[in-house]
Amino acid sequence: MIVRLRLEGGELLGQVQDTGIGIPEEARDSLFTEFFRAKNAKALGIPGTGLGLAIIKQIIEKAGGNIWVESQAGQGSTFSFRLPVVIP
């Protein structure tokens, strides 16, 4: 797993990249929905509730940011987010 954080034009850009099972294209639209689990994760017996990404999305959006994923089945995923940087 690779984790990156950097400042970019007044925003914090974060990325988490893995080399896991990846996310099929048809599952990506539902990925940040509560209790959603991709069929390939369930078929492989990977445990989870389908809540983690939904909670993270809510936190990031309430802070004024956004989150997205890039993935290919069998080749891993990169989750990215942007958050505004507020300096008092």
Protein backbone atom coordinates (compact mmCIF):
# COMPACT_ATOMS: atom_id res chain seq x y z
CA MET A 1 0.00 0.00 0.00
CA ILE A 2 1.20 3.50 -0.83
CA VAL A 3 -0.14 6.63 0.91
CA ARG A 4 0.54 10.11 -0.47
CA LEU A 5 -0.34 13.60 0.83
CA ARG A 6 0.59 16.87 -0.82
CA LEU A 7 -0.49 20.49 -0.96
CA GLU A 8 -1.77 21.53 -4.36
CA GLY A 9 -3.17 25.00 -5.00
CA GLY A 10 -4.68 25.61 -1.57
CA GLU A 11 -5.97 22.05 -1.26
CA LEU A 12 -4.70 18.89 0.37
CA LEU A 13 -4.59 15.99 -2.09
CA GLY A 14 -4.48 12.54 -0.50
CA GLN A 15 -4.15 9.17 -2.20
CA VAL A 16 -4.20 5.60 -0.98
CA GLN A 17 -3.06 3.05 -3.54
CA ASP A 18 -3.20 -0.73 -3.20
CA THR A 19 -2.45 -3.77 -5.32
CA GLY A 20 -5.54 -5.68 -4.22
CA ILE A 21 -8.36 -7.32 -6.15
CA GLY A 22 -9.53 -4.08 -7.75
CA ILE A 23 -13.09 -2.91 -8.26
CA PRO A 24 -15.13 -3.94 -11.30
CA GLU A 25 -16.38 -1.00 -13.38
CA GLU A 26 -20.05 -1.85 -12.74
CA ALA A 27 -19.49 -1.54 -8.95
CA ARG A 28 -17.79 1.86 -8.91
CA ASP A 29 -20.97 3.99 -8.99
CA SER A 30 -22.26 2.28 -5.81
CA LEU A 31 -18.93 2.03 -4.02
CA PHE A 32 -19.50 4.93 -1.59
CA THR A 33 -23.08 3.83 -0.76
CA GLU A 34 -23.85 2.49 2.72
CA PHE A 35 -23.67 -1.31 3.00
CA PHE A 36 -22.52 -1.79 -0.60
CA ARG A 37 -19.94 -4.51 -1.20
CA ALA A 38 -18.60 -5.42 -4.62
CA LYS A 39 -19.42 -8.94 -5.81
CA ASN A 40 -15.75 -9.85 -6.24
CA ALA A 41 -15.00 -9.00 -2.59
CA LYS A 42 -17.95 -11.06 -1.35
CA ALA A 43 -17.04 -13.99 -3.63
CA LEU A 44 -13.50 -14.05 -2.22
CA GLY A 45 -14.78 -13.99 1.36
CA ILE A 46 -13.16 -10.64 2.17
CA PRO A 47 -14.82 -9.41 5.38
CA GLY A 48 -16.48 -6.02 5.70
CA THR A 49 -19.74 -4.22 6.33
CA GLY A 50 -19.79 -1.81 3.41
CA LEU A 51 -19.77 1.20 5.73
CA GLY A 52 -16.16 2.42 5.70
CA LEU A 53 -16.14 4.25 2.36
CA ALA A 54 -19.61 5.71 2.95
CA ILE A 55 -18.45 7.18 6.28
CA ILE A 56 -15.22 8.53 4.78
CA LYS A 57 -17.16 10.18 1.94
CA GLN A 58 -19.50 11.89 4.41
CA ILE A 59 -16.58 13.22 6.46
CA ILE A 60 -14.71 14.53 3.43
CA GLU A 61 -17.78 16.16 1.89
CA LYS A 62 -18.77 17.83 5.18
CA ALA A 63 -15.27 19.33 5.25
CA GLY A 64 -15.79 20.77 1.76
CA GLY A 65 -13.86 18.15 -0.19
CA ASN A 66 -14.50 15.30 -2.57
CA ILE A 67 -13.37 11.70 -3.01
CA TRP A 68 -13.09 9.36 -5.99
CA VAL A 69 -11.60 6.04 -7.02
CA GLU A 70 -9.67 4.74 -9.99
CA SER A 71 -9.45 0.98 -10.31
CA GLN A 72 -9.19 -2.02 -12.55
CA ALA A 73 -10.39 -5.47 -11.54
CA GLY A 74 -7.39 -7.62 -10.64
CA GLN A 75 -4.94 -4.69 -10.58
CA GLY A 76 -5.69 -2.70 -7.44
CA SER A 77 -7.23 0.68 -6.71
CA THR A 78 -6.28 4.27 -6.00
CA PHE A 79 -8.60 6.26 -3.73
CA SER A 80 -8.03 10.01 -3.94
CA PHE A 81 -9.49 12.95 -2.05
CA ARG A 82 -9.19 16.73 -2.01
CA LEU A 83 -9.79 18.93 1.02
CA PRO A 84 -9.59 22.71 1.21
CA VAL A 85 -6.78 24.00 3.40
CA VAL A 86 -7.92 26.67 5.85
CA ILE A 87 -5.20 28.64 7.61
CA PRO A 88 -6.52 30.82 10.46
